[in-house]
C-alpha atoms as a PDB file:
ATOM      1  CA  MET A   1       0.000   0.000   0.000  1.00  0.00           C
ATOM      2  CA  VAL A   2       2.650   2.504   1.035  1.00  0.00           C
ATOM      3  CA  GLU A   3       4.931   1.904  -1.933  1.00  0.00           C
ATOM      4  CA  LEU A   4       2.333   1.471  -4.695  1.00  0.00           C
ATOM      5  CA  GLN A   5      -0.408   3.879  -3.613  1.00  0.00           C
ATOM      6  CA  ILE A   6       1.364   6.555  -1.575  1.00  0.00           C
ATOM      7  CA  ARG A   7       5.079   6.974  -2.210  1.00  0.00           C
ATOM      8  CA  SER A   8       4.623   6.483  -5.958  1.00  0.00           C
ATOM      9  CA  ARG A   9       2.194   9.449  -6.020  1.00  0.00           C
ATOM     10  CA  GLY A  10       4.663  11.828  -4.442  1.00  0.00           C
ATOM     11  CA  VAL A  11       4.174  11.593  -0.684  1.00  0.00           C
ATOM     12  CA  SER A  12       7.747  11.600   0.630  1.00  0.00           C
ATOM     13  CA  ASP A  13       7.719  12.691   4.297  1.00  0.00           C
ATOM     14  CA  PRO A  14       9.422   9.790   6.137  1.00  0.00           C
ATOM     15  CA  LYS A  15       7.294  10.315   9.274  1.00  0.00           C
ATOM     16  CA  VAL A  16       4.080  10.099   7.262  1.00  0.00           C
ATOM     17  CA  LEU A  17       5.196   7.012   5.335  1.00  0.00           C
ATOM     18  CA  GLU A  18       6.206   5.282   8.567  1.00  0.00           C
ATOM     19  CA  ALA A  19       2.890   6.188  10.201  1.00  0.00           C
ATOM     20  CA  MET A  20       1.023   4.699   7.232  1.00  0.00           C
ATOM     21  CA  ARG A  21       3.039   1.498   7.681  1.00  0.00           C
ATOM     22  CA  ARG A  22       2.384   1.311  11.428  1.00  0.00           C
ATOM     23  CA  VAL A  23      -1.355   2.014  11.626  1.00  0.00           C
ATOM     24  CA  PRO A  24      -3.312  -1.234  11.009  1.00  0.00           C
ATOM     25  CA  ARG A  25      -5.966  -0.039   8.541  1.00  0.00           C
ATOM     26  CA  HIS A  26      -7.873  -3.340   8.721  1.00  0.00           C
ATOM     27  CA  GLU A  27      -8.746  -2.570  12.357  1.00  0.00           C
ATOM     28  CA  PHE A  28     -10.791   0.446  11.233  1.00  0.00           C
ATOM     29  CA  VAL A  29     -13.156  -1.325   8.821  1.00  0.00           C
ATOM     30  CA  SER A  30     -15.801  -4.007   9.315  1.00  0.00           C
ATOM     31  CA  PHE A  31     -14.784  -7.665   9.257  1.00  0.00           C
ATOM     32  CA  SER A  32     -16.530  -8.159   5.905  1.00  0.00           C
ATOM     33  CA  GLN A  33     -14.449  -5.348   4.375  1.00  0.00           C
ATOM     34  CA  GLY A  34     -11.188  -6.687   5.776  1.00  0.00           C
ATOM     35  CA  PRO A  35      -9.985  -7.993   2.380  1.00  0.00           C
ATOM     36  CA  SER A  36     -10.425  -4.464   0.950  1.00  0.00           C
ATOM     37  CA  ALA A  37      -8.834  -2.629   3.885  1.00  0.00           C
ATOM     38  CA  TYR A  38      -5.627  -1.788   2.009  1.00  0.00           C
ATOM     39  CA  SER A  39      -7.225  -1.146  -1.372  1.00  0.00           C
ATOM     40  CA  ASP A  40      -6.800   2.144  -3.225  1.00  0.00           C
ATOM     41  CA  GLY A  41     -10.112   3.759  -2.336  1.00  0.00           C
ATOM     42  CA  PRO A  42     -12.476   4.880   0.420  1.00  0.00           C
ATOM     43  CA  LEU A  43     -14.774   2.423   2.205  1.00  0.00           C
ATOM     44  CA  PRO A  44     -18.109   2.943   3.983  1.00  0.00           C
ATOM     45  CA  ILE A  45     -18.002   2.886   7.808  1.00  0.00           C
ATOM     46  CA  GLY A  46     -21.726   3.394   8.461  1.00  0.00           C
ATOM     47  CA  LYS A  47     -23.863   6.444   9.264  1.00  0.00           C
ATOM     48  CA  GLY A  48     -23.260   7.722   5.726  1.00  0.00           C
ATOM     49  CA  GLN A  49     -19.533   8.204   6.428  1.00  0.00           C
ATOM     50  CA  THR A  50     -16.373   6.733   4.904  1.00  0.00           C
ATOM     51  CA  ILE A  51     -12.784   5.873   5.742  1.00  0.00           C
ATOM     52  CA  SER A  52     -10.683   7.891   3.302  1.00  0.00           C
ATOM     53  CA  GLN A  53      -8.474   6.428   0.610  1.00  0.00           C
ATOM     54  CA  PRO A  54      -4.982   5.666   2.050  1.00  0.00           C
ATOM     55  CA  TYR A  55      -3.286   8.076  -0.367  1.00  0.00           C
ATOM     56  CA  ILE A  56      -5.564  10.950   0.680  1.00  0.00           C
ATOM     57  CA  VAL A  57      -4.898  10.273   4.380  1.00  0.00           C
ATOM     58  CA  ALA A  58      -1.148  10.386   3.750  1.00  0.00           C
ATOM     59  CA  TYR A  59      -1.410  13.404   1.421  1.00  0.00           C
ATOM     60  CA  MET A  60      -3.440  15.459   3.903  1.00  0.00           C
ATOM     61  CA  THR A  61      -1.122  14.523   6.753  1.00  0.00           C
ATOM     62  CA  GLU A  62       1.938  15.572   4.738  1.00  0.00           C
ATOM     63  CA  LEU A  63       0.285  18.913   3.908  1.00  0.00           C
ATOM     64  CA  LEU A  64       0.288  19.733   7.642  1.00  0.00           C
ATOM     65  CA  GLU A  65       4.120  19.747   7.640  1.00  0.00           C
ATOM     66  CA  LEU A  66       4.325  18.068  11.041  1.00  0.00           C
ATOM     67  CA  THR A  67       7.608  17.814  12.943  1.00  0.00           C
ATOM     68  CA  GLY A  68       6.215  15.728  15.793  1.00  0.00           C
ATOM     69  CA  THR A  69       5.867  18.494  18.385  1.00  0.00           C
ATOM     70  CA  GLU A  70       2.530  19.932  17.281  1.00  0.00           C
ATOM     71  CA  THR A  71      -0.939  19.934  18.789  1.00  0.00           C
ATOM     72  CA  VAL A  72      -3.516  19.112  16.094  1.00  0.00           C
ATOM     73  CA  LEU A  73      -7.272  19.663  16.053  1.00  0.00           C
ATOM     74  CA  GLU A  74      -9.076  17.117  13.855  1.00  0.00           C
ATOM     75  CA  LEU A  75     -12.686  17.829  12.939  1.00  0.00           C
ATOM     76  CA  GLY A  76     -14.379  14.576  11.966  1.00  0.00           C
ATOM     77  CA  THR A  77     -13.076  11.563  13.899  1.00  0.00           C
ATOM     78  CA  GLY A  78     -15.039   9.073  11.813  1.00  0.00           C
ATOM     79  CA  CYS A  79     -13.653   5.578  12.412  1.00  0.00           C
ATOM     80  CA  GLY A  80     -10.417   7.013  13.832  1.00  0.00           C
ATOM     81  CA  TYR A  81      -7.990   5.998  11.064  1.00  0.00           C
ATOM     82  CA  GLN A  82      -6.853   9.521  10.183  1.00  0.00           C
ATOM     83  CA  THR A  83      -6.780  10.247  13.928  1.00  0.00           C
ATOM     84  CA  ALA A  84      -4.319   7.396  14.453  1.00  0.00           C
ATOM     85  CA  VAL A  85      -2.063   8.606  11.641  1.00  0.00           C
ATOM     86  CA  LEU A  86      -2.062  12.090  13.192  1.00  0.00           C
ATOM     87  CA  ALA A  87      -1.295  10.610  16.610  1.00  0.00           C
ATOM     88  CA  GLU A  88       1.745   8.890  15.077  1.00  0.00           C
ATOM     89  CA  THR A  89       3.053  12.147  13.579  1.00  0.00           C
ATOM     90  CA  ALA A  90       2.082  14.849  16.117  1.00  0.00           C
ATOM     91  CA  ALA A  91       2.453  15.302  19.876  1.00  0.00           C
ATOM     92  CA  HIS A  92      -1.260  15.672  20.719  1.00  0.00           C
ATOM     93  CA  VAL A  93      -4.499  15.219  18.759  1.00  0.00           C
ATOM     94  CA  TYR A  94      -7.832  16.738  19.796  1.00  0.00           C
ATOM     95  CA  THR A  95     -10.586  15.156  17.725  1.00  0.00           C
ATOM     96  CA  VAL A  96     -14.254  16.137  17.410  1.00  0.00           C
ATOM     97  CA  GLU A  97     -17.049  13.985  15.945  1.00  0.00           C
ATOM     98  CA  VAL A  98     -20.714  14.958  15.657  1.00  0.00           C
ATOM     99  CA  ILE A  99     -22.023  11.358  15.387  1.00  0.00           C
ATOM    100  CA  GLU A 100     -21.906   9.957  18.919  1.00  0.00           C
ATOM    101  CA  SER A 101     -21.741   6.266  18.009  1.00  0.00           C
ATOM    102  CA  LEU A 102     -18.797   6.814  15.651  1.00  0.00           C
ATOM    103  CA  SER A 103     -16.933   8.835  18.274  1.00  0.00           C
ATOM    104  CA  LEU A 104     -17.414   6.210  20.983  1.00  0.00           C
ATOM    105  CA  GLU A 105     -16.413   3.332  18.692  1.00  0.00           C
ATOM    106  CA  ALA A 106     -13.321   5.192  17.476  1.00  0.00           C
ATOM    107  CA  GLU A 107     -12.281   6.069  21.016  1.00  0.00           C
ATOM    108  CA  ALA A 108     -12.627   2.451  22.176  1.00  0.00           C
ATOM    109  CA  LEU A 109     -10.569   1.192  19.230  1.00  0.00           C
ATOM    110  CA  LEU A 110      -7.848   3.821  19.548  1.00  0.00           C
ATOM    111  CA  ARG A 111      -7.521   3.134  23.274  1.00  0.00           C
ATOM    112  CA  ARG A 112      -7.266  -0.596  22.533  1.00  0.00           C
ATOM    113  CA  LEU A 113      -4.464   0.221  20.077  1.00  0.00           C
ATOM    114  CA  ASN A 114      -2.701   2.048  22.936  1.00  0.00           C
ATOM    115  CA  TYR A 115      -2.918   5.627  21.675  1.00  0.00           C
ATOM    116  CA  THR A 116      -2.565   7.871  24.720  1.00  0.00           C
ATOM    117  CA  ASN A 117      -2.088  11.267  23.046  1.00  0.00           C
ATOM    118  CA  ILE A 118      -5.644  11.608  21.655  1.00  0.00           C
ATOM    119  CA  TYR A 119      -8.468  13.578  23.304  1.00  0.00           C
ATOM    120  CA  TYR A 120     -12.087  13.063  22.238  1.00  0.00           C
ATOM    121  CA  ARG A 121     -15.166  15.245  22.032  1.00  0.00           C
ATOM    122  CA  ILE A 122     -18.676  14.672  20.663  1.00  0.00           C
ATOM    123  CA  GLY A 123     -19.961  17.885  19.129  1.00  0.00           C
ATOM    124  CA  ASP A 124     -20.291  20.215  16.161  1.00  0.00           C
ATOM    125  CA  GLY A 125     -16.975  20.469  14.368  1.00  0.00           C
ATOM    126  CA  ARG A 126     -17.845  23.886  12.968  1.00  0.00           C
ATOM    127  CA  GLU A 127     -17.286  25.242  16.457  1.00  0.00           C
ATOM    128  CA  GLY A 128     -13.861  23.638  16.752  1.00  0.00           C
ATOM    129  CA  TRP A 129     -12.732  22.971  20.327  1.00  0.00           C
ATOM    130  CA  ASP A 130     -12.102  26.358  21.855  1.00  0.00           C
ATOM    131  CA  GLU A 131     -11.212  25.035  25.307  1.00  0.00           C
ATOM    132  CA  TYR A 132      -7.752  23.856  24.186  1.00  0.00           C
ATOM    133  CA  ALA A 133      -7.097  26.409  21.436  1.00  0.00           C
ATOM    134  CA  PRO A 134      -4.990  27.672  19.856  1.00  0.00           C
ATOM    135  CA  TYR A 135      -3.697  24.735  17.827  1.00  0.00           C
ATOM    136  CA  ASP A 136      -0.588  24.377  15.672  1.00  0.00           C
ATOM    137  CA  ARG A 137      -2.555  22.556  12.996  1.00  0.00           C
ATOM    138  CA  ILE A 138      -6.216  21.915  12.134  1.00  0.00           C
ATOM    139  CA  MET A 139      -7.580  19.251   9.766  1.00  0.00           C
ATOM    140  CA  LEU A 140     -11.117  18.777   8.464  1.00  0.00           C
ATOM    141  CA  THR A 141     -11.921  15.269   7.262  1.00  0.00           C
ATOM    142  CA  ALA A 142     -15.239  16.130   5.604  1.00  0.00           C
ATOM    143  CA  ALA A 143     -16.116  18.915   3.190  1.00  0.00           C
ATOM    144  CA  PRO A 144     -17.953  22.099   4.192  1.00  0.00           C
ATOM    145  CA  SER A 145     -19.427  24.075   1.296  1.00  0.00           C
ATOM    146  CA  ARG A 146     -17.528  27.084   2.689  1.00  0.00           C
ATOM    147  CA  PHE A 147     -14.703  26.998   5.180  1.00  0.00           C
ATOM    148  CA  PRO A 148     -15.891  27.934   8.715  1.00  0.00           C
ATOM    149  CA  ALA A 149     -13.915  31.189   9.149  1.00  0.00           C
ATOM    150  CA  ASN A 150     -14.368  31.122  12.929  1.00  0.00           C
ATOM    151  CA  LEU A 151     -11.822  28.282  13.067  1.00  0.00           C
ATOM    152  CA  PHE A 152      -9.026  30.660  12.098  1.00  0.00           C
ATOM    153  CA  SER A 153      -9.212  32.149  15.595  1.00  0.00           C
ATOM    154  CA  GLN A 154      -8.289  28.717  17.012  1.00  0.00           C
ATOM    155  CA  LEU A 155      -5.107  28.520  14.904  1.00  0.00           C
ATOM    156  CA  LEU A 156      -1.732  29.677  16.192  1.00  0.00           C
ATOM    157  CA  GLU A 157       0.332  32.213  14.283  1.00  0.00           C
ATOM    158  CA  GLY A 158       2.339  30.236  11.727  1.00  0.00           C
ATOM    159  CA  GLY A 159      -0.208  27.428  11.840  1.00  0.00           C
ATOM    160  CA  ILE A 160      -1.702  25.405   8.978  1.00  0.00           C
ATOM    161  CA  ILE A 161      -5.224  24.200   8.236  1.00  0.00           C
ATOM    162  CA  VAL A 162      -5.956  21.479   5.668  1.00  0.00           C
ATOM    163  CA  ALA A 163      -9.532  20.943   4.508  1.00  0.00           C
ATOM    164  CA  PRO A 164     -11.572  19.759   1.525  1.00  0.00           C
ATOM    165  CA  VAL A 165     -13.974  22.569   0.598  1.00  0.00           C
ATOM    166  CA  GLY A 166     -16.920  22.700  -1.803  1.00  0.00           C
ATOM    167  CA  ASP A 167     -20.293  21.245  -2.687  1.00  0.00           C
ATOM    168  CA  TYR A 168     -20.415  19.284  -5.953  1.00  0.00           C
ATOM    169  CA  PHE A 169     -16.854  20.159  -6.892  1.00  0.00           C
ATOM    170  CA  GLN A 170     -14.435  20.068  -3.981  1.00  0.00           C
ATOM    171  CA  ARG A 171     -10.883  21.293  -3.746  1.00  0.00           C
ATOM    172  CA  MET A 172      -8.278  20.429  -1.115  1.00  0.00           C
ATOM    173  CA  MET A 173      -7.323  23.713   0.527  1.00  0.00           C
ATOM    174  CA  ARG A 174      -4.342  24.629   2.688  1.00  0.00           C
ATOM    175  CA  TYR A 175      -4.534  27.771   4.801  1.00  0.00           C
ATOM    176  CA  ARG A 176      -1.576  29.401   6.563  1.00  0.00           C
ATOM    177  CA  LYS A 177      -1.803  32.040   9.286  1.00  0.00           C
ATOM    178  CA  GLU A 178       0.960  34.581   8.707  1.00  0.00           C
ATOM    179  CA  LYS A 179       1.151  37.892  10.561  1.00  0.00           C
ATOM    180  CA  GLY A 180      -2.472  37.526  11.561  1.00  0.00           C
ATOM    181  CA  LYS A 181      -3.651  37.062   7.971  1.00  0.00           C
ATOM    182  CA  ILE A 182      -4.799  33.918   6.224  1.00  0.00           C
ATOM    183  CA  LYS A 183      -3.130  32.822   3.003  1.00  0.00           C
ATOM    184  CA  GLU A 184      -4.952  30.135   1.057  1.00  0.00           C
ATOM    185  CA  GLU A 185      -3.658  27.601  -1.410  1.00  0.00           C
ATOM    186  CA  ALA A 186      -5.956  25.578  -3.700  1.00  0.00           C
ATOM    187  CA  LEU A 187      -4.636  22.084  -4.384  1.00  0.00           C
ATOM    188  CA  ILE A 188      -6.072  18.899  -5.925  1.00  0.00           C
ATOM    189  CA  GLY A 189      -9.704  18.141  -6.683  1.00  0.00           C
ATOM    190  CA  VAL A 190     -11.213  15.694  -4.167  1.00  0.00           C
ATOM    191  CA  SER A 191     -14.486  13.981  -3.233  1.00  0.00           C
ATOM    192  CA  PHE A 192     -15.405  13.879   0.477  1.00  0.00           C
ATOM    193  CA  VAL A 193     -18.623  13.302   2.373  1.00  0.00           C
ATOM    194  CA  PRO A 194     -20.284  16.591   3.388  1.00  0.00           C
ATOM    195  CA  PHE A 195     -19.342  18.234   6.674  1.00  0.00           C
ATOM    196  CA  VAL A 196     -22.351  17.709   8.976  1.00  0.00           C
END
């Protein structure tokens, strides 16, 4: 998976590649989907949500430019796969999920896998998690039609946000906070479930 789907498409950060090797993707899908766990595509996880394609998980993680010391806010825990990859590459991960059952299942799994640097919240991701702000990095794992501008206040100076944005046509966006202003960068076209 790492060599054929990820490295070959240009993801080169050694920390990200190692995280993708370490996190057991098959743990995050249903037993019946086990044979497809490492395939090159997203898979349904219930409640109208999906586990993202491995390449996209690695690509988004690399876009955050993590050194391993950062505190990351993830909006959209889902099954917890992206959360685990972030936990492997950052110091602390604060993750918010609006669907209670998904959040509880992800937390139980991630605790079983011995992740101790993840903090969980059930709630509306559009509000972020102000209690522990500001964050070095923020990632959205579902697509809002417009980026929730209030989240910029929860980002540290010099911080980065990565998010898919759009309705029918979505674009991966990277935002940087420099001197109090937000610089945006439009990247590849993507297809994510809507941000709910």
